[in-house]
C-alpha cells in the first residue's frame, strides 16, 4: 500500500503517513501520549557565511537551505523549546526521544531538553568513518555528530534492548561511540536533476541501531523533521509504525516514493535478543526441588577443573566451600564474581550440559502458563 501524504486531522493518529505542515502545529494537533519514540533531526543552524569551495575551486554542496537559517540564537532557541514541548506532549509516559545534531546546535538542544523535563540517558557520538574533509585547513575535520537519548521523565520505564545491541556488537556491550559511514552511493537519494535530494540524509544503519535499541515491533515512531524518510523506511522494515512530518513538498514527494519501495521484514526476522533482566527469576533451589538435579549429584566446571556437590537446600559444596552456585564458582576460581548458571555443568550420557538448560526449561513452562 502506498504511503499517504495529507493534512493532519485533529484527534487521530495517522499511522504510516507523511503529514504536511509545520512540525509544531502538526504535533499539537495529534493526540497526547500516543507515541513510543521520537527521532528528531532538526535544523542545525549552521550559520554559514558565504559559499564553501574545494581546493580546485569547485563548490561544496553545503547546507544553505532556507529551513536551516535563523536570524539569531534567540530565535533558534525559541523554535527548539516549542518543538520539544510539542514532542514531549506526544510521548507516552514511558516514551523516549533521540535528537541528533552537530556542535552548532546540540549543546543548545541538550539544555532545552533538560529545561523541558526530559531525562538524559546517554549521549552518543556518531563517528563518521568517511567524513567530509576540512577544505580550508583552518579547523579539525568535523568527523562526528552527537545524538542525545532522553526519556520523557526521570522515572520513565523506557525501552532498552540491551542484549540485542550486545548481539549487534558481536557479544560485547555496545559503547556510546558508533562508527558508521555517512550516507553515500546507492543509499543517497537523488532528485530529478541527479543532485542530492536532501543535504543531510542520515544512513539507514544509524536508524537501524536506534530503533532496534529503543523500540519493539508495533511501537509508534514519530519523526518531526522527516526529510527523505530514513526514519520511516527503517521503522517500516523493522515492523514499527511511523508518523512523518515534513514542511517541504519536495522532500515529502521523495519520501513517499521511497516508502513504496520499502518492504517489512518477515515477522520471525524482527525478533531480537531479549533482555535477561526481563526474564522471570528462577532460583537454583527450584531445580533441586523439582528433581531436575538431585542432592548429592556432582556438578563440573568447563574442563572438569573444579567440581561441587548439590545440597538439598539448593546450595553447593566443593573443596570445603559452601554457598550458592555463584559464590562457590567464584571462590574456586578466585574471582570476584561468577555466573553459576553458565559455569556449572552436569553430566548425562557422558556429555557435559550447562545447568542453565534447566533454568530455561522452567522459564518456558512459566511462559506457557501465563495468560495470553
Protein backbone atom coordinates (compact mmCIF):
# COMPACT_ATOMS: atom_id res chain seq x y z
CA UNK A 1 0.00 0.00 0.00
CA UNK A 2 1.36 3.44 -0.94
CA UNK A 3 2.25 5.86 1.83
CA UNK A 4 -0.19 8.73 2.04
CA UNK A 5 0.67 12.40 2.42
CA UNK A 6 -2.07 14.65 3.70
CA UNK A 7 -3.06 17.41 6.07
CA UNK A 8 -3.50 16.06 9.65
CA UNK A 9 -6.90 15.80 11.25
CA UNK A 10 -7.47 16.54 14.93
CA UNK A 11 -7.56 13.71 17.48
CA UNK A 12 -6.42 11.00 15.10
CA UNK A 13 -3.21 9.02 14.99
CA UNK A 14 -2.26 8.81 11.31
CA UNK A 15 -0.02 5.77 11.29
CA UNK A 16 2.39 5.24 8.40
CA UNK A 17 1.61 8.59 6.83
CA UNK A 18 3.62 11.68 5.97
CA UNK A 19 1.92 14.82 7.26
CA UNK A 20 2.36 18.18 5.58
CA UNK A 21 2.94 21.31 7.58
CA UNK A 22 4.87 22.98 10.38
CA UNK A 23 6.07 20.32 12.81
CA UNK A 24 4.96 22.23 15.92
CA UNK A 25 1.42 22.82 14.64
CA UNK A 26 1.08 19.25 13.39
CA UNK A 27 2.37 17.69 16.62
CA UNK A 28 -0.01 19.83 18.66
CA UNK A 29 -2.91 18.53 16.53
CA UNK A 30 -2.15 14.88 17.36
CA UNK A 31 -3.44 13.07 20.47
CA UNK A 32 -1.27 13.43 23.57
CA UNK A 33 0.54 10.40 24.98
CA UNK A 34 0.31 8.41 21.75
CA UNK A 35 3.91 7.92 20.58
CA UNK A 36 6.56 5.50 21.84
CA UNK A 37 9.67 7.09 20.34
CA UNK A 38 10.60 10.32 18.61
CA UNK A 39 13.66 10.61 16.41
CA UNK A 40 14.41 14.23 15.60
CA UNK A 41 16.96 15.61 13.15
CA UNK A 42 16.21 19.32 13.50
CA UNK A 43 17.85 22.17 11.58
CA UNK A 44 21.43 22.55 12.79
CA UNK A 45 21.54 26.36 12.41
CA UNK A 46 24.95 26.10 10.73
CA UNK A 47 25.35 29.90 10.42
CA UNK A 48 27.18 29.57 7.13
CA UNK A 49 28.80 32.74 5.79
CA UNK A 50 29.08 32.52 2.02
CA UNK A 51 29.88 29.57 -0.23
CA UNK A 52 32.37 26.83 0.58
CA UNK A 53 34.83 25.73 -2.13
CA UNK A 54 37.20 22.79 -2.55
CA UNK A 55 40.90 23.37 -3.32
CA UNK A 56 40.07 23.01 -7.05
CA UNK A 57 37.55 25.86 -6.57
CA UNK A 58 34.53 23.58 -7.12
CA UNK A 59 31.52 24.39 -4.95
CA UNK A 60 30.76 22.17 -1.93
CA UNK A 61 27.11 21.19 -1.57
CA UNK A 62 26.76 22.54 1.96
CA UNK A 63 23.53 23.08 3.90
CA UNK A 64 22.40 26.55 2.88
CA UNK A 65 18.65 25.89 2.59
CA UNK A 66 16.16 28.39 3.98
CA UNK A 67 14.92 25.93 6.60
CA UNK A 68 18.35 25.99 8.29
CA UNK A 69 18.54 29.77 8.55
CA UNK A 70 17.66 31.57 11.78
CA UNK A 71 18.25 35.26 12.43
CA UNK A 72 19.72 34.75 15.92
CA UNK A 73 20.41 32.20 18.62
CA UNK A 74 17.38 33.55 20.49
CA UNK A 75 15.11 32.74 17.55
CA UNK A 76 16.61 29.25 17.22
CA UNK A 77 16.25 28.61 20.96
CA UNK A 78 12.59 29.65 20.89
CA UNK A 79 11.97 27.29 17.97
CA UNK A 80 13.77 24.47 19.84
CA UNK A 81 11.75 24.98 23.03
CA UNK A 82 8.47 24.97 21.11
CA UNK A 83 9.07 21.81 19.09
CA UNK A 84 10.43 19.97 22.14
CA UNK A 85 7.34 20.92 24.16
CA UNK A 86 5.11 19.61 21.39
CA UNK A 87 7.18 16.44 21.16
CA UNK A 88 7.08 15.81 24.91
CA UNK A 89 3.31 16.14 24.93
CA UNK A 90 3.05 13.39 22.31
CA UNK A 91 5.21 10.85 24.14
CA UNK A 92 3.69 8.08 26.21
CA UNK A 93 4.71 8.10 29.92
CA UNK A 94 7.48 5.59 29.17
CA UNK A 95 8.39 7.13 25.83
CA UNK A 96 11.77 8.47 24.78
CA UNK A 97 13.38 10.81 22.28
CA UNK A 98 16.56 10.87 20.21
CA UNK A 99 17.86 14.18 18.90
CA UNK A 100 20.85 14.41 16.56
CA UNK A 101 22.93 17.49 15.93
CA UNK A 102 26.38 18.98 15.40
CA UNK A 103 28.49 21.31 17.51
CA UNK A 104 26.47 24.19 16.06
CA UNK A 105 23.28 23.28 17.92
CA UNK A 106 23.46 20.13 20.07
CA UNK A 107 24.54 21.91 23.25
CA UNK A 108 21.67 24.35 23.00
CA UNK A 109 19.26 21.46 22.30
CA UNK A 110 20.63 19.49 25.26
CA UNK A 111 19.98 22.37 27.66
CA UNK A 112 16.48 22.83 26.26
CA UNK A 113 15.76 19.11 26.71
CA UNK A 114 16.62 19.31 30.40
CA UNK A 115 14.68 22.54 30.83
CA UNK A 116 11.61 20.82 29.34
CA UNK A 117 11.79 17.98 31.90
CA UNK A 118 13.33 15.26 29.75
CA UNK A 119 15.84 12.97 31.49
CA UNK A 120 19.04 12.45 29.51
CA UNK A 121 20.04 8.78 29.38
CA UNK A 122 23.08 8.89 27.09
CA UNK A 123 24.81 10.98 24.53
CA UNK A 124 26.14 9.02 21.58
CA UNK A 125 28.98 10.12 19.34
CA UNK A 126 28.39 9.04 15.75
CA UNK A 127 31.92 8.79 14.37
CA UNK A 128 31.73 9.06 10.61
CA UNK A 129 34.04 6.53 9.00
CA UNK A 130 34.11 8.63 5.81
CA UNK A 131 33.68 12.29 6.86
CA UNK A 132 33.88 15.25 4.52
CA UNK A 133 37.38 16.79 4.79
CA UNK A 134 38.00 20.29 6.05
CA UNK A 135 38.87 22.05 2.79
CA UNK A 136 40.16 25.31 4.26
CA UNK A 137 42.53 23.61 6.68
CA UNK A 138 41.68 26.07 9.45
CA UNK A 139 39.89 23.65 11.79
CA UNK A 140 39.81 19.97 12.69
CA UNK A 141 37.95 17.75 10.24
CA UNK A 142 34.42 17.57 11.62
CA UNK A 143 34.16 13.77 11.79
CA UNK A 144 31.27 13.22 14.17
CA UNK A 145 27.77 14.20 15.17
CA UNK A 146 26.16 13.84 18.59
CA UNK A 147 22.90 12.13 19.47
CA UNK A 148 21.10 12.68 22.77
CA UNK A 149 18.83 9.91 24.06
CA UNK A 150 16.38 11.02 26.74
CA UNK A 151 13.32 9.60 28.46
CA UNK A 152 10.18 11.66 28.99
CA UNK A 153 10.63 11.58 32.78
CA UNK A 154 13.37 10.53 35.17
CA UNK A 155 11.09 7.71 36.36
CA UNK A 156 10.05 6.55 32.87
CA UNK A 157 10.46 2.83 32.20
CA UNK A 158 11.92 3.38 28.77
CA UNK A 159 12.65 0.58 26.30
CA UNK A 160 16.27 -0.52 26.01
CA UNK A 161 17.05 -3.80 24.26
CA UNK A 162 20.47 -4.22 25.84
CA UNK A 163 21.01 -7.82 24.76
CA UNK A 164 20.01 -7.03 21.18
CA UNK A 165 22.60 -4.27 20.95
CA UNK A 166 25.18 -6.55 22.52
CA UNK A 167 24.38 -9.15 19.85
CA UNK A 168 24.78 -6.49 17.13
CA UNK A 169 28.23 -5.82 18.57
CA UNK A 170 29.43 -9.46 18.47
CA UNK A 171 28.63 -10.17 22.10
CA UNK A 172 30.33 -7.09 23.54
CA UNK A 173 28.50 -4.27 25.34
CA UNK A 174 27.52 -1.54 22.89
CA UNK A 175 29.53 1.61 23.54
CA UNK A 176 28.40 5.20 23.18
CA UNK A 177 30.68 5.87 20.20
CA UNK A 178 29.27 4.44 16.99
CA UNK A 179 31.48 4.17 13.91
CA UNK A 180 29.19 4.24 10.86
CA UNK A 181 29.60 5.70 7.36
CA UNK A 182 27.72 8.73 6.14
CA UNK A 183 25.04 8.22 3.53
CA UNK A 184 26.68 7.70 0.13
CA UNK A 185 26.46 5.61 -3.02
CA UNK A 186 23.25 3.75 -3.77
CA UNK A 187 21.70 4.80 -0.47
CA UNK A 188 21.95 8.51 -1.25
CA UNK A 189 18.66 9.58 -2.80
CA UNK A 190 18.94 11.89 -5.81
CA UNK A 191 16.43 14.31 -7.26
CA UNK A 192 15.38 14.54 -10.91
CA UNK A 193 18.46 16.62 -11.71
CA UNK A 194 20.77 13.97 -10.22
CA UNK A 195 21.66 16.09 -7.18
CA UNK A 196 21.25 15.14 -3.53
CA UNK A 197 17.56 15.14 -2.71
CA UNK A 198 18.39 16.25 0.84
CA UNK A 199 21.71 17.65 2.12
CA UNK A 200 21.65 15.85 5.49
CA UNK A 201 20.14 12.45 4.67
CA UNK A 202 21.03 10.06 7.50
CA UNK A 203 22.24 6.49 6.84
CA UNK A 204 19.82 3.63 7.46
CA UNK A 205 22.45 1.93 9.63
CA UNK A 206 22.17 4.72 12.20
CA UNK A 207 18.38 4.49 12.40
CA UNK A 208 18.53 0.69 12.47
CA UNK A 209 20.63 0.81 15.62
CA UNK A 210 18.43 3.42 17.30
CA UNK A 211 15.15 1.66 16.51
CA UNK A 212 16.36 -1.86 17.41
CA UNK A 213 17.80 -0.50 20.66
CA UNK A 214 14.87 1.53 21.94
CA UNK A 215 11.62 0.22 20.44
CA UNK A 216 9.74 -3.02 19.96
CA UNK A 217 7.73 -4.26 16.96
CA UNK A 218 4.37 -2.48 16.81
CA UNK A 219 5.66 0.68 18.53
CA UNK A 220 4.94 4.09 17.03
CA UNK A 221 7.97 6.12 15.93
CA UNK A 222 7.49 9.79 15.03
CA UNK A 223 9.93 11.97 13.11
CA UNK A 224 9.02 15.68 13.12
CA UNK A 225 11.71 16.55 10.53
CA UNK A 226 11.05 13.68 8.16
CA UNK A 227 13.11 14.84 5.18
CA UNK A 228 13.52 12.00 2.69
CA UNK A 229 12.12 9.49 5.18
CA UNK A 230 15.01 7.42 6.55
CA UNK A 231 13.27 7.06 9.92
CA UNK A 232 10.07 5.87 8.29
CA UNK A 233 11.84 3.47 5.94
CA UNK A 234 13.75 1.74 8.73
CA UNK A 235 10.73 1.72 11.05
CA UNK A 236 8.62 0.08 8.34
CA UNK A 237 11.27 -2.56 7.61
CA UNK A 238 11.54 -3.36 11.33
CA UNK A 239 7.80 -3.74 11.88
CA UNK A 240 7.20 -0.44 13.64
CA UNK A 241 4.56 2.14 12.71
CA UNK A 242 5.80 5.59 11.78
CA UNK A 243 4.47 9.11 11.54
CA UNK A 244 6.42 11.60 9.48
CA UNK A 245 6.03 15.37 9.50
CA UNK A 246 7.62 17.42 6.74
CA UNK A 247 7.05 21.02 5.68
CA UNK A 248 8.83 20.89 2.32
CA UNK A 249 6.78 19.44 -0.52
CA UNK A 250 9.84 18.28 -2.48
CA UNK A 251 11.04 16.16 0.45
CA UNK A 252 7.55 14.74 1.05
CA UNK A 253 7.38 13.63 -2.57
CA UNK A 254 10.74 11.87 -2.40
CA UNK A 255 9.89 10.25 0.95
CA UNK A 256 6.51 8.99 -0.26
CA UNK A 257 8.10 7.39 -3.32
CA UNK A 258 10.74 5.84 -1.09
CA UNK A 259 8.15 4.28 1.20
CA UNK A 260 6.51 2.48 -1.73
CA UNK A 261 9.78 0.60 -2.27
CA UNK A 262 10.22 -0.43 1.38
CA UNK A 263 9.12 -3.90 2.48
CA UNK A 264 8.69 -5.09 6.03
CA UNK A 265 10.98 -7.91 7.12
CA UNK A 266 9.49 -11.32 7.85
CA UNK A 267 7.98 -11.50 11.35
CA UNK A 268 10.49 -14.08 12.54
CA UNK A 269 13.35 -11.83 11.43
CA UNK A 270 12.02 -8.98 13.60
CA UNK A 271 12.64 -10.84 16.84
CA UNK A 272 15.67 -9.63 18.78
CA UNK A 273 17.59 -10.99 21.74
CA UNK A 274 15.52 -10.21 24.81
CA UNK A 275 16.74 -8.62 28.00
CA UNK A 276 17.80 -11.16 30.58
CA UNK A 277 16.56 -8.84 33.30
CA UNK A 278 13.05 -9.10 31.88
CA UNK A 279 13.03 -12.90 32.12
CA UNK A 280 11.41 -14.44 35.22
CA UNK A 281 13.84 -15.19 38.03
CA UNK A 282 14.43 -18.88 38.72
CA UNK A 283 16.29 -19.79 41.94
CA UNK A 284 18.62 -22.79 41.63
CA UNK A 285 16.66 -24.30 44.51
CA UNK A 286 13.70 -24.84 42.16
CA UNK A 287 15.88 -27.09 40.01
CA UNK A 288 16.61 -29.20 43.08
CA UNK A 289 13.03 -29.14 44.41
CA UNK A 290 11.70 -30.40 41.11
CA UNK A 291 14.19 -33.26 40.96
CA UNK A 292 15.90 -31.98 37.82
CA UNK A 293 19.12 -32.33 39.82
CA UNK A 294 19.34 -34.44 42.96
CA UNK A 295 21.08 -33.67 46.27
CA UNK A 296 24.50 -35.26 46.18
CA UNK A 297 24.78 -35.00 42.37
CA UNK A 298 28.06 -33.59 41.15
CA UNK A 299 28.44 -30.50 39.02
CA UNK A 300 31.54 -29.71 36.98
CA UNK A 301 33.21 -26.60 35.60
CA UNK A 302 34.29 -26.50 31.97
CA UNK A 303 37.24 -28.83 31.52
CA UNK A 304 36.49 -30.59 34.84
CA UNK A 305 38.86 -28.21 36.62
CA UNK A 306 36.52 -27.95 39.59
CA UNK A 307 33.54 -29.88 40.90
CA UNK A 308 30.95 -29.48 43.63
CA UNK A 309 28.01 -31.39 45.05
CA UNK A 310 24.41 -30.25 45.08
CA UNK A 311 22.88 -29.88 48.54
CA UNK A 312 19.22 -30.27 49.47
CA UNK A 313 18.74 -26.54 50.05
CA UNK A 314 19.96 -25.56 46.59
CA UNK A 315 23.47 -24.64 47.66
CA UNK A 316 26.72 -26.32 46.62
CA UNK A 317 29.76 -27.62 48.47
CA UNK A 318 33.15 -28.03 46.86
CA UNK A 319 36.63 -28.08 48.41
CA UNK A 320 35.06 -27.13 51.76
CA UNK A 321 33.48 -24.07 50.17
CA UNK A 322 29.74 -23.74 50.73
CA UNK A 323 27.30 -21.32 49.17
CA UNK A 324 25.22 -20.52 46.11
CA UNK A 325 26.13 -21.70 42.62
CA UNK A 326 27.62 -18.25 42.06
CA UNK A 327 29.53 -18.00 45.34
CA UNK A 328 31.14 -21.44 45.08
CA UNK A 329 32.14 -20.91 41.45
CA UNK A 330 33.73 -17.55 42.28
CA UNK A 331 35.60 -18.99 45.28
CA UNK A 332 37.01 -21.93 43.34
CA UNK A 333 38.15 -19.63 40.54
CA UNK A 334 39.48 -16.98 42.90
CA UNK A 335 37.31 -14.46 41.05
CA UNK A 336 35.23 -11.58 42.43
CA UNK A 337 32.08 -12.95 40.81
CA UNK A 338 30.79 -15.86 38.74
CA UNK A 339 27.64 -16.64 36.78
CA UNK A 340 26.94 -20.07 38.20
CA UNK A 341 24.27 -20.82 35.61
CA UNK A 342 26.81 -20.85 32.78
CA UNK A 343 29.80 -22.00 34.89
CA UNK A 344 28.39 -25.27 36.24
CA UNK A 345 27.55 -28.35 34.15
CA UNK A 346 26.01 -31.74 34.88
CA UNK A 347 26.72 -34.99 33.06
CA UNK A 348 24.19 -37.03 31.11
CA UNK A 349 25.27 -39.97 28.99
CA UNK A 350 28.84 -38.77 29.14
CA UNK A 351 28.01 -35.27 27.90
CA UNK A 352 28.54 -32.02 29.81
CA UNK A 353 25.34 -29.93 29.88
CA UNK A 354 25.12 -26.42 31.39
CA UNK A 355 22.66 -26.14 34.26
CA UNK A 356 21.24 -23.06 32.51
CA UNK A 357 19.37 -25.51 30.24
CA UNK A 358 17.30 -26.49 33.27
CA UNK A 359 16.56 -22.87 34.11
CA UNK A 360 15.41 -22.20 30.56
CA UNK A 361 13.14 -25.24 30.73
CA UNK A 362 11.46 -23.88 33.86
CA UNK A 363 11.13 -20.44 32.28
CA UNK A 364 9.48 -21.93 29.20
CA UNK A 365 6.94 -23.67 31.41
CA UNK A 366 6.28 -20.39 33.25
CA UNK A 367 5.68 -18.62 29.94
CA UNK A 368 3.30 -21.35 28.77
CA UNK A 369 1.30 -20.93 31.99
CA UNK A 370 0.83 -17.21 31.59
CA UNK A 371 -2.40 -15.79 30.16
CA UNK A 372 -2.05 -14.56 26.58
